[in-house]
Amino acid sequence: MKNIIVTGASRGIGFELVKQLADAGHKVLALSRNDKPVNELNHPNINCFSFDICDPEDIAKLKDFIDQQWKQVDILINNAGRLLYKAFDQISPAEFEEVYRVNVFGVAELTRQLLPYIPQSGHVVNISSMGGVQGSVKFAGLAAYSSSKGALITLTELLAEEYKETGPAFNVLALGAVQTEMLEGAFPDYKAPLSAEEMANYIFDFALNGNKYYNGKLLQVSNSTP
């Protein structure tokens, strides 16, 4: 049984992942700004509270929970993300920065604050996008989102190198199209080949076992474009 934190847990892949991990007997802390969907599950293995990845007070509240309830975090899944679908010349500096605050700066600070609780055998899984992979097909309107996901990939590789002697392991999954509300926001007429539940099942297995085989690796989890 593992202690697992999942961010971006209120819908889509994160919500399905929380359910699967809890049903398998793991202790899950589900974090998202909207905590209502997870709280309504009323699952004995799930703890949940409203959480903004960019808010230092919320990070302090999270650390208090770990100190009092868990002591240790075995797996951190950084799934929270901000999508902005907008023409580049119409994006304000504040909008561009907000995407990076959630997708890069927030992930970095949350990870930094939680590292003392993660053992050498632990696993940090960052959820990126195929749009952030160098050489992949790119789409207009996603300049802020895809570039931030590219930064997350590089950050993951750097952290794996920095902590390769002491752990934990760091890996990043670049997801292709999954039928979620976020995908519909960018491609409303596109029907993805995978459901949120199916992708969550893949991440479930990788989070629990991927660090046995990989560290500092980018895995492209996609069978379609987008």
Protein backbone atom coordinates (compact mmCIF):
# COMPACT_ATOMS: atom_id res chain seq x y z
CA MET A 1 0.00 0.00 0.00
CA LYS A 2 1.45 3.37 -1.07
CA ASN A 3 0.83 6.98 -0.09
CA ILE A 4 0.10 8.75 -3.38
CA ILE A 5 -0.59 12.40 -4.21
CA VAL A 6 -2.45 13.27 -7.41
CA THR A 7 -2.92 16.88 -8.51
CA GLY A 8 -5.58 17.99 -10.95
CA ALA A 9 -7.93 15.43 -9.46
CA SER A 10 -11.35 16.97 -10.03
CA ARG A 11 -12.00 15.70 -13.55
CA GLY A 12 -10.69 13.75 -16.50
CA ILE A 13 -7.61 11.60 -16.14
CA GLY A 14 -6.84 12.79 -12.61
CA PHE A 15 -10.30 11.93 -11.32
CA GLU A 16 -10.23 8.45 -12.87
CA LEU A 17 -6.71 7.85 -11.58
CA VAL A 18 -7.67 8.74 -8.02
CA LYS A 19 -10.53 6.23 -8.12
CA GLN A 20 -8.37 3.44 -9.53
CA LEU A 21 -5.56 3.95 -7.01
CA ALA A 22 -7.97 4.10 -4.06
CA ASP A 23 -9.89 1.03 -5.21
CA ALA A 24 -6.58 -0.85 -5.35
CA GLY A 25 -6.02 -0.12 -1.67
CA HIS A 26 -3.57 2.78 -1.83
CA LYS A 27 -3.94 5.90 0.28
CA VAL A 28 -4.59 8.81 -2.05
CA LEU A 29 -4.49 12.54 -1.43
CA ALA A 30 -6.46 14.14 -4.28
CA LEU A 31 -5.67 17.80 -4.85
CA SER A 32 -7.55 20.27 -7.03
CA ARG A 33 -9.14 23.69 -6.77
CA ASN A 34 -12.56 22.06 -6.96
CA ASP A 35 -12.64 19.33 -4.33
CA LYS A 36 -16.37 18.58 -4.62
CA PRO A 37 -16.25 15.74 -7.22
CA VAL A 38 -13.70 13.72 -5.24
CA ASN A 39 -15.31 14.39 -1.88
CA GLU A 40 -18.60 13.10 -3.26
CA LEU A 41 -16.94 9.72 -3.85
CA ASN A 42 -16.81 9.31 -0.06
CA HIS A 43 -14.04 6.74 -0.48
CA PRO A 44 -12.28 5.54 2.72
CA ASN A 45 -8.85 5.58 1.03
CA ILE A 46 -9.13 9.13 -0.32
CA ASN A 47 -8.37 12.42 1.38
CA CYS A 48 -9.19 15.60 -0.49
CA PHE A 49 -9.14 19.33 0.05
CA SER A 50 -9.23 22.40 -2.17
CA PHE A 51 -5.72 23.13 -3.39
CA ASP A 52 -4.12 25.73 -5.64
CA ILE A 53 -0.71 24.53 -6.83
CA CYS A 54 0.48 28.15 -7.05
CA ASP A 55 -0.59 29.17 -3.52
CA PRO A 56 2.16 28.95 -0.84
CA GLU A 57 -0.48 28.76 1.90
CA ASP A 58 -2.03 25.70 0.27
CA ILE A 59 1.38 24.04 0.00
CA ALA A 60 1.92 24.74 3.70
CA LYS A 61 -1.48 23.14 4.44
CA LEU A 62 -0.43 20.12 2.40
CA LYS A 63 2.80 19.73 4.35
CA ASP A 64 0.87 19.92 7.62
CA PHE A 65 -1.34 17.08 6.42
CA ILE A 66 1.66 14.93 5.55
CA ASP A 67 3.37 15.68 8.88
CA GLN A 68 0.26 14.72 10.82
CA GLN A 69 -1.21 11.89 8.76
CA TRP A 70 1.32 10.23 6.46
CA LYS A 71 4.94 11.19 7.28
CA GLN A 72 5.96 9.89 3.83
CA VAL A 73 4.90 10.31 0.20
CA ASP A 74 5.72 7.32 -1.99
CA ILE A 75 4.44 8.67 -5.31
CA LEU A 76 3.74 12.19 -6.55
CA ILE A 77 1.76 12.50 -9.78
CA ASN A 78 1.87 16.07 -11.10
CA ASN A 79 -1.21 15.96 -13.30
CA ALA A 80 -2.61 19.48 -12.83
CA GLY A 81 -2.40 21.62 -15.93
CA ARG A 82 -3.66 24.85 -17.45
CA LEU A 83 -4.72 24.95 -21.13
CA LEU A 84 -4.91 28.17 -23.09
CA TYR A 85 -6.18 27.88 -26.67
CA LYS A 86 -5.68 31.30 -28.20
CA ALA A 87 -3.90 32.94 -31.12
CA PHE A 88 -0.37 33.94 -30.12
CA ASP A 89 -0.80 37.62 -30.95
CA GLN A 90 -3.93 37.73 -28.79
CA ILE A 91 -2.32 36.28 -25.63
CA SER A 92 -1.59 38.82 -22.93
CA PRO A 93 1.65 38.59 -20.91
CA ALA A 94 -0.44 37.77 -17.83
CA GLU A 95 -2.18 34.88 -19.62
CA PHE A 96 1.08 33.46 -20.89
CA GLU A 97 2.61 33.70 -17.44
CA GLU A 98 -0.40 32.04 -15.80
CA VAL A 99 -0.01 28.96 -17.99
CA TYR A 100 3.64 28.67 -16.96
CA ARG A 101 2.76 29.30 -13.31
CA VAL A 102 0.55 26.20 -13.25
CA ASN A 103 2.34 23.93 -15.71
CA VAL A 104 5.95 24.65 -14.73
CA PHE A 105 6.51 26.92 -11.72
CA GLY A 106 3.78 25.35 -9.60
CA VAL A 107 4.96 21.82 -10.37
CA ALA A 108 8.55 22.77 -9.57
CA GLU A 109 7.70 24.37 -6.23
CA LEU A 110 5.33 21.61 -5.13
CA THR A 111 7.96 19.00 -5.97
CA ARG A 112 10.68 20.95 -4.16
CA GLN A 113 8.58 21.23 -1.03
CA LEU A 114 7.65 17.54 -1.01
CA LEU A 115 11.08 16.07 -1.76
CA PRO A 116 11.98 15.70 1.95
CA TYR A 117 9.00 13.36 2.33
CA ILE A 118 9.76 11.17 -0.70
CA PRO A 119 12.09 8.20 -0.06
CA GLN A 120 14.84 6.99 -2.37
CA SER A 121 12.45 4.36 -3.70
CA GLY A 122 9.83 6.99 -4.49
CA HIS A 123 8.58 8.08 -7.91
CA VAL A 124 7.67 11.51 -9.25
CA VAL A 125 5.57 11.29 -12.42
CA ASN A 126 5.03 14.49 -14.39
CA ILE A 127 2.21 14.59 -16.93
CA SER A 128 3.19 16.46 -20.07
CA SER A 129 1.81 16.51 -23.60
CA MET A 130 2.89 15.39 -27.05
CA GLY A 131 2.68 19.07 -27.95
CA GLY A 132 5.74 19.66 -25.77
CA VAL A 133 7.88 17.00 -27.43
CA GLN A 134 10.56 18.33 -29.76
CA GLY A 135 9.82 17.35 -33.35
CA SER A 136 6.21 16.38 -32.72
CA VAL A 137 3.29 17.84 -34.68
CA LYS A 138 2.39 21.28 -33.38
CA PHE A 139 -0.97 23.09 -33.48
CA ALA A 140 -1.78 26.78 -33.79
CA GLY A 141 -3.30 28.36 -30.71
CA LEU A 142 -1.28 26.32 -28.24
CA ALA A 143 1.91 28.40 -28.01
CA ALA A 144 1.71 28.91 -24.26
CA TYR A 145 0.44 25.44 -23.38
CA SER A 146 2.72 23.33 -25.54
CA SER A 147 5.86 25.36 -24.80
CA SER A 148 5.17 25.05 -21.06
CA LYS A 149 4.80 21.29 -21.42
CA GLY A 150 8.14 21.23 -23.22
CA ALA A 151 9.68 23.03 -20.26
CA LEU A 152 8.19 20.43 -17.92
CA ILE A 153 9.86 17.65 -19.91
CA THR A 154 13.27 19.28 -19.59
CA LEU A 155 12.71 20.00 -15.89
CA THR A 156 11.99 16.32 -15.30
CA GLU A 157 15.20 15.25 -17.03
CA LEU A 158 17.22 17.74 -14.98
CA LEU A 159 15.72 16.63 -11.65
CA ALA A 160 16.40 12.99 -12.45
CA GLU A 161 20.05 13.86 -13.04
CA GLU A 162 20.31 15.97 -9.89
CA TYR A 163 18.81 13.27 -7.65
CA LYS A 164 20.10 10.15 -9.41
CA GLU A 165 22.30 9.17 -6.44
CA THR A 166 19.76 9.78 -3.69
CA GLY A 167 16.40 9.30 -5.41
CA PRO A 168 13.56 9.55 -5.99
CA ALA A 169 13.11 8.66 -9.66
CA PHE A 170 11.63 11.28 -11.99
CA ASN A 171 9.85 10.44 -15.23
CA VAL A 172 7.53 12.31 -17.57
CA LEU A 173 4.67 11.03 -19.71
CA ALA A 174 3.82 12.99 -22.85
CA LEU A 175 0.18 12.16 -23.46
CA GLY A 176 -1.49 12.18 -26.83
CA ALA A 177 -5.18 12.76 -27.39
CA VAL A 178 -7.50 11.62 -24.60
CA GLN A 179 -11.22 12.34 -24.55
CA THR A 180 -11.38 14.91 -21.76
CA GLU A 181 -12.89 18.35 -21.21
CA MET A 182 -9.45 19.85 -21.76
CA LEU A 183 -9.10 18.24 -25.19
CA GLU A 184 -12.58 19.42 -26.15
CA GLY A 185 -11.53 22.96 -25.30
CA ALA A 186 -8.82 22.89 -27.96
CA PHE A 187 -10.29 20.45 -30.49
CA PRO A 188 -14.09 20.47 -29.99
CA ASP A 189 -14.86 18.34 -33.07
CA TYR A 190 -12.14 15.74 -32.52
CA LYS A 191 -12.92 12.35 -30.98
CA ALA A 192 -9.91 10.86 -29.24
CA PRO A 193 -9.17 7.14 -29.42
CA LEU A 194 -8.66 6.83 -25.66
CA SER A 195 -10.94 7.62 -22.75
CA ALA A 196 -9.78 9.26 -19.53
CA GLU A 197 -10.33 5.95 -17.74
CA GLU A 198 -8.09 4.07 -20.19
CA MET A 199 -5.25 6.58 -19.89
CA ALA A 200 -5.60 6.62 -16.11
CA ASN A 201 -5.15 2.85 -16.13
CA TYR A 202 -1.85 3.23 -17.97
CA ILE A 203 -0.61 5.95 -15.59
CA PHE A 204 -1.72 3.81 -12.62
CA ASP A 205 0.63 1.00 -13.62
CA PHE A 206 3.48 3.31 -14.63
CA ALA A 207 3.39 5.30 -11.39
CA LEU A 208 3.61 2.12 -9.32
CA ASN A 209 6.22 0.28 -11.39
CA GLY A 210 7.87 2.59 -13.93
CA ASN A 211 10.66 3.70 -11.59
CA LYS A 212 11.96 0.12 -11.58
CA TYR A 213 12.86 0.51 -15.24
CA TYR A 214 13.16 4.23 -15.97
CA ASN A 215 14.62 7.41 -14.52
CA GLY A 216 14.78 10.75 -16.27
CA LYS A 217 12.89 9.38 -19.25
CA LEU A 218 10.27 10.88 -21.51
CA LEU A 219 7.71 8.31 -22.61
CA GLN A 220 5.41 9.25 -25.46
CA VAL A 221 1.99 7.80 -24.72
CA SER A 222 0.16 8.43 -27.95
CA ASN A 223 -1.26 6.53 -30.89
CA SER A 224 -2.76 9.49 -32.74
CA THR A 225 -2.33 13.10 -33.88
CA PRO A 226 -3.29 15.21 -32.02
